[in-house]
Amino acid sequence: MTWSPDSAITGGAQTGFTTPGYTQADDLAPVVNAKQKTVTALTGTQTGATANSASSPFTATFYKPATLRSLPAPNPVTGKYGAIPVNQWKLIVRKGGQVASGVYATMVARLTIDIPAGMETYSPAEVRALASYLVGLLDEESADLGDTLVSGVV
């Protein structure tokens, strides 16, 4: 299965929001090795939040490595592996907003996942466990993360 978020996403709990949800559509990614979604509408009560616009973007872009690397052959004499290359996947979420009346700026959240070449075939369950934990942690901590980003208190 490829990265393909549903057209309707249920948002995580946030202080001051009631049942946040996001309607999204496919968008043109900035490079060929990426897929992008744009938030076209908000659902639930999210007073003060906005969907995507030219001056205030709301997008998620998922990048795969431009070239997927594989595990190199071991040294024929020692049987040991040299430096193991890493395949880096990225998720970048952009959300615009005002910093003053009529002055727009864009926040950027970057998630980078470095998978050592070969792990996806030799230990796929470990890769899946990382993804499962990461998504669950972000979902469970959604409101706390929002509160921390707004208040500056960890």
N, C-alpha and C. Protein backbone atom coordinates (compact mmCIF):
# COMPACT_ATOMS: atom_id res chain seq x y z
N MET A 1 0.86 -1.18 0.00
CA MET A 1 0.00 0.00 0.00
C MET A 1 0.90 1.23 0.00
N THR A 2 0.57 2.18 -0.81
CA THR A 2 1.35 3.40 -0.89
C THR A 2 0.78 4.46 0.04
N TRP A 3 1.51 5.54 0.20
CA TRP A 3 1.03 6.65 1.02
C TRP A 3 -0.15 7.27 0.31
N SER A 4 -1.31 7.13 0.88
CA SER A 4 -2.51 7.66 0.26
C SER A 4 -3.55 7.98 1.33
N PRO A 5 -3.37 9.09 2.04
CA PRO A 5 -4.34 9.47 3.07
C PRO A 5 -5.75 9.60 2.48
N ASP A 6 -6.72 9.24 3.27
CA ASP A 6 -8.11 9.36 2.84
C ASP A 6 -8.46 10.81 2.54
N SER A 7 -9.53 11.01 1.79
CA SER A 7 -9.96 12.37 1.48
C SER A 7 -10.51 13.09 2.70
N ALA A 8 -10.92 12.32 3.71
CA ALA A 8 -11.38 12.91 4.97
C ALA A 8 -10.51 12.36 6.09
N ILE A 9 -9.89 13.25 6.85
CA ILE A 9 -9.00 12.87 7.94
C ILE A 9 -9.62 13.34 9.25
N THR A 10 -9.69 12.44 10.24
CA THR A 10 -10.13 12.83 11.57
C THR A 10 -8.92 13.37 12.31
N GLY A 11 -9.03 14.58 12.77
CA GLY A 11 -7.92 15.20 13.48
C GLY A 11 -7.82 14.70 14.90
N GLY A 12 -6.64 14.87 15.47
CA GLY A 12 -6.44 14.52 16.86
C GLY A 12 -7.07 15.56 17.76
N ALA A 13 -7.31 15.16 19.00
CA ALA A 13 -7.93 16.08 19.97
C ALA A 13 -7.06 17.32 20.16
N GLN A 14 -7.68 18.47 20.25
CA GLN A 14 -6.99 19.74 20.50
C GLN A 14 -7.82 20.58 21.44
N THR A 15 -7.18 21.27 22.34
CA THR A 15 -7.86 22.19 23.23
C THR A 15 -8.57 23.25 22.40
N GLY A 16 -9.87 23.45 22.64
CA GLY A 16 -10.64 24.47 21.94
C GLY A 16 -11.25 24.01 20.63
N PHE A 17 -10.90 22.82 20.14
CA PHE A 17 -11.50 22.29 18.91
C PHE A 17 -12.50 21.20 19.29
N THR A 18 -13.58 21.10 18.53
CA THR A 18 -14.55 20.05 18.73
C THR A 18 -14.61 19.21 17.47
N THR A 19 -14.29 17.94 17.59
CA THR A 19 -14.31 16.98 16.48
C THR A 19 -13.63 17.53 15.23
N PRO A 20 -12.35 17.89 15.32
CA PRO A 20 -11.68 18.44 14.14
C PRO A 20 -11.52 17.41 13.03
N GLY A 21 -11.78 17.85 11.82
CA GLY A 21 -11.62 16.99 10.66
C GLY A 21 -11.14 17.82 9.48
N TYR A 22 -10.56 17.14 8.51
CA TYR A 22 -9.95 17.82 7.37
C TYR A 22 -10.31 17.09 6.09
N THR A 23 -10.83 17.85 5.13
CA THR A 23 -11.10 17.31 3.81
C THR A 23 -9.92 17.68 2.94
N GLN A 24 -9.36 16.71 2.23
CA GLN A 24 -8.18 17.00 1.43
C GLN A 24 -8.31 16.41 0.03
N ALA A 25 -7.53 16.98 -0.86
CA ALA A 25 -7.53 16.56 -2.25
C ALA A 25 -6.09 16.39 -2.72
N ASP A 26 -5.92 15.58 -3.77
CA ASP A 26 -4.59 15.43 -4.36
C ASP A 26 -4.14 16.77 -4.89
N ASP A 27 -2.85 17.03 -4.78
CA ASP A 27 -2.26 18.27 -5.26
C ASP A 27 -0.99 17.91 -6.01
N LEU A 28 -0.47 18.83 -6.76
CA LEU A 28 0.77 18.62 -7.50
C LEU A 28 1.96 18.79 -6.55
N ALA A 29 2.74 17.75 -6.39
CA ALA A 29 3.92 17.81 -5.52
C ALA A 29 5.02 18.61 -6.20
N PRO A 30 5.92 19.20 -5.40
CA PRO A 30 6.98 20.03 -5.99
C PRO A 30 8.05 19.25 -6.75
N VAL A 31 8.14 17.93 -6.51
CA VAL A 31 9.12 17.09 -7.21
C VAL A 31 8.45 15.76 -7.58
N VAL A 32 9.06 15.03 -8.53
CA VAL A 32 8.44 13.80 -9.03
C VAL A 32 8.47 12.66 -8.03
N ASN A 33 9.37 12.68 -7.06
CA ASN A 33 9.44 11.59 -6.09
C ASN A 33 8.63 11.90 -4.82
N ALA A 34 7.55 12.66 -4.98
CA ALA A 34 6.71 13.01 -3.83
C ALA A 34 5.23 12.98 -4.21
N LYS A 35 4.39 12.86 -3.19
CA LYS A 35 2.94 12.98 -3.34
C LYS A 35 2.51 14.09 -2.39
N GLN A 36 1.50 14.87 -2.81
CA GLN A 36 1.05 15.98 -1.98
C GLN A 36 -0.47 15.99 -1.87
N LYS A 37 -0.93 16.33 -0.68
CA LYS A 37 -2.35 16.55 -0.40
C LYS A 37 -2.52 17.98 0.06
N THR A 38 -3.67 18.57 -0.27
CA THR A 38 -4.01 19.92 0.15
C THR A 38 -5.32 19.87 0.93
N VAL A 39 -5.36 20.53 2.07
CA VAL A 39 -6.58 20.59 2.88
C VAL A 39 -7.51 21.62 2.25
N THR A 40 -8.65 21.15 1.77
CA THR A 40 -9.59 22.01 1.07
C THR A 40 -10.73 22.51 1.96
N ALA A 41 -10.98 21.83 3.08
CA ALA A 41 -12.06 22.25 3.98
C ALA A 41 -11.80 21.70 5.37
N LEU A 42 -12.32 22.42 6.36
CA LEU A 42 -12.24 21.98 7.75
C LEU A 42 -13.62 21.57 8.21
N THR A 43 -13.71 20.56 9.08
CA THR A 43 -14.99 20.15 9.64
C THR A 43 -14.87 20.21 11.16
N GLY A 44 -16.01 20.09 11.82
CA GLY A 44 -16.03 20.25 13.27
C GLY A 44 -15.92 21.72 13.59
N THR A 45 -15.62 22.01 14.84
CA THR A 45 -15.46 23.40 15.27
C THR A 45 -13.97 23.67 15.43
N GLN A 46 -13.44 24.54 14.56
CA GLN A 46 -12.02 24.92 14.61
C GLN A 46 -11.93 26.43 14.42
N THR A 47 -12.56 27.15 15.33
CA THR A 47 -12.63 28.60 15.22
C THR A 47 -11.25 29.21 15.06
N GLY A 48 -11.09 30.02 14.01
CA GLY A 48 -9.83 30.70 13.74
C GLY A 48 -8.91 29.95 12.80
N ALA A 49 -9.20 28.68 12.51
CA ALA A 49 -8.36 27.90 11.60
C ALA A 49 -8.93 28.01 10.19
N THR A 50 -8.08 27.85 9.19
CA THR A 50 -8.50 27.97 7.80
C THR A 50 -7.96 26.83 6.95
N ALA A 51 -8.65 26.58 5.84
CA ALA A 51 -8.19 25.59 4.86
C ALA A 51 -7.11 26.24 3.99
N ASN A 52 -6.62 25.51 3.02
CA ASN A 52 -5.58 26.00 2.13
C ASN A 52 -6.04 27.20 1.31
N SER A 53 -5.13 28.14 1.11
CA SER A 53 -5.33 29.25 0.18
C SER A 53 -3.96 29.64 -0.36
N ALA A 54 -3.94 30.49 -1.36
CA ALA A 54 -2.67 30.90 -1.96
C ALA A 54 -1.75 31.57 -0.94
N SER A 55 -2.32 32.40 -0.07
CA SER A 55 -1.48 33.12 0.90
C SER A 55 -1.30 32.37 2.21
N SER A 56 -2.06 31.29 2.39
CA SER A 56 -2.00 30.54 3.64
C SER A 56 -2.11 29.04 3.34
N PRO A 57 -0.99 28.42 2.94
CA PRO A 57 -1.04 27.02 2.53
C PRO A 57 -1.36 26.06 3.67
N PHE A 58 -1.98 24.95 3.32
CA PHE A 58 -2.23 23.86 4.26
C PHE A 58 -2.04 22.58 3.46
N THR A 59 -0.83 22.06 3.45
CA THR A 59 -0.49 20.90 2.62
C THR A 59 0.33 19.89 3.40
N ALA A 60 0.33 18.66 2.90
CA ALA A 60 1.19 17.60 3.40
C ALA A 60 1.86 16.96 2.20
N THR A 61 3.19 16.91 2.23
CA THR A 61 3.95 16.34 1.12
C THR A 61 4.81 15.20 1.66
N PHE A 62 4.69 14.03 1.02
CA PHE A 62 5.46 12.85 1.43
C PHE A 62 6.48 12.54 0.35
N TYR A 63 7.76 12.55 0.73
CA TYR A 63 8.86 12.33 -0.20
C TYR A 63 9.47 10.95 0.01
N LYS A 64 9.71 10.24 -1.08
CA LYS A 64 10.50 9.02 -1.00
C LYS A 64 11.92 9.38 -1.43
N PRO A 65 12.90 8.57 -1.05
CA PRO A 65 14.26 8.87 -1.49
C PRO A 65 14.34 8.93 -3.01
N ALA A 66 15.11 9.87 -3.54
CA ALA A 66 15.25 9.99 -4.99
C ALA A 66 15.81 8.71 -5.59
N THR A 67 16.70 8.07 -4.87
CA THR A 67 17.25 6.78 -5.28
C THR A 67 17.25 5.87 -4.06
N LEU A 68 16.53 4.76 -4.16
CA LEU A 68 16.52 3.81 -3.05
C LEU A 68 17.82 3.02 -3.05
N ARG A 69 18.48 3.01 -1.91
CA ARG A 69 19.76 2.32 -1.79
C ARG A 69 19.52 0.93 -1.21
N SER A 70 20.39 0.01 -1.57
CA SER A 70 20.30 -1.34 -1.02
C SER A 70 21.55 -1.63 -0.19
N LEU A 71 21.47 -2.71 0.55
CA LEU A 71 22.60 -3.11 1.38
C LEU A 71 23.75 -3.54 0.48
N PRO A 72 24.95 -3.01 0.70
CA PRO A 72 26.08 -3.41 -0.13
C PRO A 72 26.52 -4.83 0.22
N ALA A 73 27.26 -5.44 -0.67
CA ALA A 73 27.79 -6.78 -0.42
C ALA A 73 28.82 -6.71 0.71
N PRO A 74 28.91 -7.78 1.49
CA PRO A 74 29.93 -7.79 2.54
C PRO A 74 31.33 -7.92 1.93
N ASN A 75 32.30 -7.56 2.71
CA ASN A 75 33.68 -7.70 2.29
C ASN A 75 33.95 -9.19 2.03
N PRO A 76 34.48 -9.54 0.85
CA PRO A 76 34.66 -10.96 0.53
C PRO A 76 35.69 -11.67 1.42
N VAL A 77 36.58 -10.92 2.04
CA VAL A 77 37.59 -11.53 2.90
C VAL A 77 37.10 -11.63 4.34
N THR A 78 36.59 -10.52 4.88
CA THR A 78 36.19 -10.50 6.30
C THR A 78 34.74 -10.88 6.53
N GLY A 79 33.91 -10.71 5.51
CA GLY A 79 32.47 -10.98 5.67
C GLY A 79 31.74 -9.86 6.37
N LYS A 80 32.45 -8.79 6.70
CA LYS A 80 31.82 -7.66 7.39
C LYS A 80 31.31 -6.63 6.39
N TYR A 81 30.32 -5.91 6.84
CA TYR A 81 29.75 -4.84 6.01
C TYR A 81 30.45 -3.53 6.32
N GLY A 82 30.61 -2.72 5.31
CA GLY A 82 31.14 -1.37 5.50
C GLY A 82 30.02 -0.46 5.95
N ALA A 83 30.11 0.80 5.61
CA ALA A 83 29.07 1.76 5.97
C ALA A 83 27.74 1.34 5.32
N ILE A 84 26.71 1.31 6.11
CA ILE A 84 25.39 0.93 5.61
C ILE A 84 24.66 2.19 5.21
N PRO A 85 24.25 2.29 3.94
CA PRO A 85 23.55 3.50 3.49
C PRO A 85 22.16 3.59 4.12
N VAL A 86 21.61 4.78 4.09
CA VAL A 86 20.30 5.04 4.68
C VAL A 86 19.35 5.57 3.61
N ASN A 87 18.13 5.08 3.63
CA ASN A 87 17.07 5.61 2.77
C ASN A 87 16.25 6.58 3.61
N GLN A 88 16.20 7.84 3.20
CA GLN A 88 15.53 8.87 3.99
C GLN A 88 14.18 9.23 3.36
N TRP A 89 13.13 9.05 4.13
CA TRP A 89 11.76 9.41 3.75
C TRP A 89 11.40 10.66 4.52
N LYS A 90 10.60 11.55 3.93
CA LYS A 90 10.24 12.80 4.60
C LYS A 90 8.74 13.07 4.47
N LEU A 91 8.18 13.60 5.52
CA LEU A 91 6.82 14.13 5.50
C LEU A 91 6.94 15.58 5.92
N ILE A 92 6.48 16.48 5.08
CA ILE A 92 6.53 17.90 5.39
C ILE A 92 5.10 18.45 5.36
N VAL A 93 4.69 19.05 6.46
CA VAL A 93 3.36 19.65 6.55
C VAL A 93 3.54 21.16 6.65
N ARG A 94 2.82 21.89 5.81
CA ARG A 94 2.88 23.36 5.81
C ARG A 94 1.51 23.90 6.18
N LYS A 95 1.50 24.92 7.05
CA LYS A 95 0.24 25.56 7.45
C LYS A 95 0.48 27.05 7.59
N GLY A 96 -0.23 27.81 6.79
CA GLY A 96 -0.11 29.26 6.84
C GLY A 96 -1.00 29.86 7.91
N GLY A 97 -0.66 31.06 8.30
CA GLY A 97 -1.45 31.81 9.28
C GLY A 97 -0.94 33.23 9.34
N GLN A 98 -1.66 34.06 10.05
CA GLN A 98 -1.26 35.46 10.17
C GLN A 98 -0.36 35.65 11.40
N VAL A 99 0.66 36.47 11.24
CA VAL A 99 1.52 36.84 12.36
C VAL A 99 1.18 38.24 12.86
N ALA A 100 0.46 38.98 12.05
CA ALA A 100 -0.09 40.29 12.37
C ALA A 100 -1.22 40.51 11.38
N SER A 101 -2.01 41.55 11.58
CA SER A 101 -3.15 41.79 10.71
C SER A 101 -2.72 41.89 9.24
N GLY A 102 -3.20 40.93 8.44
CA GLY A 102 -2.90 40.92 7.01
C GLY A 102 -1.50 40.46 6.65
N VAL A 103 -0.72 40.00 7.63
CA VAL A 103 0.65 39.54 7.38
C VAL A 103 0.68 38.02 7.56
N TYR A 104 0.88 37.31 6.44
CA TYR A 104 0.87 35.86 6.47
C TYR A 104 2.28 35.29 6.48
N ALA A 105 2.43 34.18 7.17
CA ALA A 105 3.68 33.43 7.20
C ALA A 105 3.29 31.94 7.23
N THR A 106 4.24 31.07 6.99
CA THR A 106 3.97 29.64 6.94
C THR A 106 4.79 28.87 7.96
N MET A 107 4.09 28.05 8.76
CA MET A 107 4.75 27.12 9.68
C MET A 107 5.13 25.89 8.87
N VAL A 108 6.18 25.21 9.27
CA VAL A 108 6.60 23.99 8.59
C VAL A 108 6.95 22.94 9.63
N ALA A 109 6.35 21.74 9.51
CA ALA A 109 6.70 20.61 10.36
C ALA A 109 7.37 19.57 9.47
N ARG A 110 8.54 19.12 9.88
CA ARG A 110 9.29 18.14 9.08
C ARG A 110 9.50 16.87 9.90
N LEU A 111 9.09 15.77 9.33
CA LEU A 111 9.34 14.46 9.92
C LEU A 111 10.24 13.71 8.96
N THR A 112 11.37 13.25 9.45
CA THR A 112 12.31 12.50 8.63
C THR A 112 12.47 11.11 9.22
N ILE A 113 12.38 10.10 8.39
CA ILE A 113 12.55 8.72 8.82
C ILE A 113 13.73 8.13 8.07
N ASP A 114 14.76 7.77 8.79
CA ASP A 114 15.96 7.16 8.19
C ASP A 114 15.91 5.66 8.43
N ILE A 115 15.83 4.90 7.35
CA ILE A 115 15.79 3.44 7.43
C ILE A 115 17.08 2.88 6.83
N PRO A 116 17.89 2.18 7.64
CA PRO A 116 19.10 1.59 7.08
C PRO A 116 18.75 0.65 5.93
N ALA A 117 19.48 0.75 4.84
CA ALA A 117 19.22 -0.08 3.67
C ALA A 117 19.25 -1.56 4.07
N GLY A 118 18.26 -2.29 3.62
CA GLY A 118 18.17 -3.72 3.91
C GLY A 118 17.23 -4.05 5.05
N MET A 119 16.99 -3.09 5.96
CA MET A 119 16.13 -3.39 7.10
C MET A 119 14.69 -3.64 6.64
N GLU A 120 14.27 -2.94 5.59
CA GLU A 120 12.88 -3.11 5.12
C GLU A 120 12.62 -4.52 4.60
N THR A 121 13.64 -5.24 4.20
CA THR A 121 13.44 -6.62 3.73
C THR A 121 13.82 -7.64 4.79
N TYR A 122 14.86 -7.37 5.60
CA TYR A 122 15.31 -8.33 6.60
C TYR A 122 14.49 -8.25 7.88
N SER A 123 14.04 -7.06 8.26
CA SER A 123 13.26 -6.87 9.50
C SER A 123 12.04 -5.99 9.25
N PRO A 124 11.15 -6.37 8.31
CA PRO A 124 10.01 -5.50 8.02
C PRO A 124 9.11 -5.25 9.23
N ALA A 125 9.01 -6.21 10.14
CA ALA A 125 8.16 -6.01 11.32
C ALA A 125 8.70 -4.88 12.19
N GLU A 126 10.02 -4.71 12.22
CA GLU A 126 10.61 -3.63 13.02
C GLU A 126 10.28 -2.27 12.39
N VAL A 127 10.29 -2.20 11.06
CA VAL A 127 9.93 -0.96 10.37
C VAL A 127 8.46 -0.64 10.65
N ARG A 128 7.61 -1.64 10.56
CA ARG A 128 6.18 -1.44 10.82
C ARG A 128 5.94 -1.03 12.28
N ALA A 129 6.70 -1.60 13.21
CA ALA A 129 6.55 -1.24 14.62
C ALA A 129 6.91 0.22 14.84
N LEU A 130 7.96 0.70 14.18
CA LEU A 130 8.32 2.12 14.28
C LEU A 130 7.18 2.99 13.77
N ALA A 131 6.64 2.65 12.60
CA ALA A 131 5.54 3.45 12.03
C ALA A 131 4.31 3.42 12.93
N SER A 132 3.97 2.26 13.45
CA SER A 132 2.80 2.13 14.32
C SER A 132 2.95 2.97 15.58
N TYR A 133 4.11 2.85 16.21
CA TYR A 133 4.35 3.60 17.44
C TYR A 133 4.34 5.11 17.17
N LEU A 134 4.99 5.54 16.11
CA LEU A 134 5.06 6.96 15.78
C LEU A 134 3.66 7.54 15.57
N VAL A 135 2.84 6.88 14.78
CA VAL A 135 1.48 7.37 14.52
C VAL A 135 0.65 7.37 15.80
N GLY A 136 0.75 6.31 16.56
CA GLY A 136 0.01 6.24 17.83
C GLY A 136 0.44 7.30 18.83
N LEU A 137 1.76 7.52 18.91
CA LEU A 137 2.28 8.53 19.82
C LEU A 137 1.79 9.92 19.42
N LEU A 138 1.86 10.24 18.13
CA LEU A 138 1.39 11.55 17.67
C LEU A 138 -0.11 11.71 17.89
N ASP A 139 -0.87 10.64 17.64
CA ASP A 139 -2.32 10.70 17.85
C ASP A 139 -2.63 10.89 19.33
N GLU A 140 -1.98 10.12 20.19
CA GLU A 140 -2.25 10.19 21.62
C GLU A 140 -1.81 11.52 22.21
N GLU A 141 -0.75 12.09 21.68
CA GLU A 141 -0.20 13.33 22.21
C GLU A 141 -0.66 14.58 21.44
N SER A 142 -1.64 14.44 20.58
CA SER A 142 -2.06 15.55 19.73
C SER A 142 -2.39 16.81 20.52
N ALA A 143 -3.27 16.71 21.50
CA ALA A 143 -3.66 17.91 22.27
C ALA A 143 -2.48 18.46 23.06
N ASP A 144 -1.68 17.57 23.66
CA ASP A 144 -0.53 18.03 24.43
C ASP A 144 0.48 18.74 23.52
N LEU A 145 0.68 18.20 22.32
CA LEU A 145 1.59 18.85 21.37
C LEU A 145 1.07 20.23 20.99
N GLY A 146 -0.22 20.33 20.67
CA GLY A 146 -0.81 21.63 20.34
C GLY A 146 -0.69 22.62 21.49
N ASP A 147 -0.98 22.15 22.71
CA ASP A 147 -0.86 23.03 23.88
C ASP A 147 0.58 23.50 24.07
N THR A 148 1.54 22.60 23.89
CA THR A 148 2.96 22.97 24.05
C THR A 148 3.39 23.96 22.99
N LEU A 149 2.98 23.74 21.73
CA LEU A 149 3.35 24.66 20.66
C LEU A 149 2.78 26.05 20.87
N VAL A 150 1.59 26.14 21.48
CA VAL A 150 0.95 27.43 21.73
C VAL A 150 1.51 28.10 22.99
N SER A 151 1.70 27.30 24.06
CA SER A 151 2.12 27.90 25.33
C SER A 151 3.63 28.01 25.49
N GLY A 152 4.37 27.17 24.80
CA GLY A 152 5.81 27.14 24.95
C GLY A 152 6.26 26.37 26.18
N VAL A 153 5.33 25.71 26.85
CA VAL A 153 5.64 24.94 28.06
C VAL A 153 5.64 23.47 27.73
N VAL A 154 6.74 22.79 28.08
CA VAL A 154 6.85 21.35 27.81
C VAL A 154 6.29 20.57 28.97
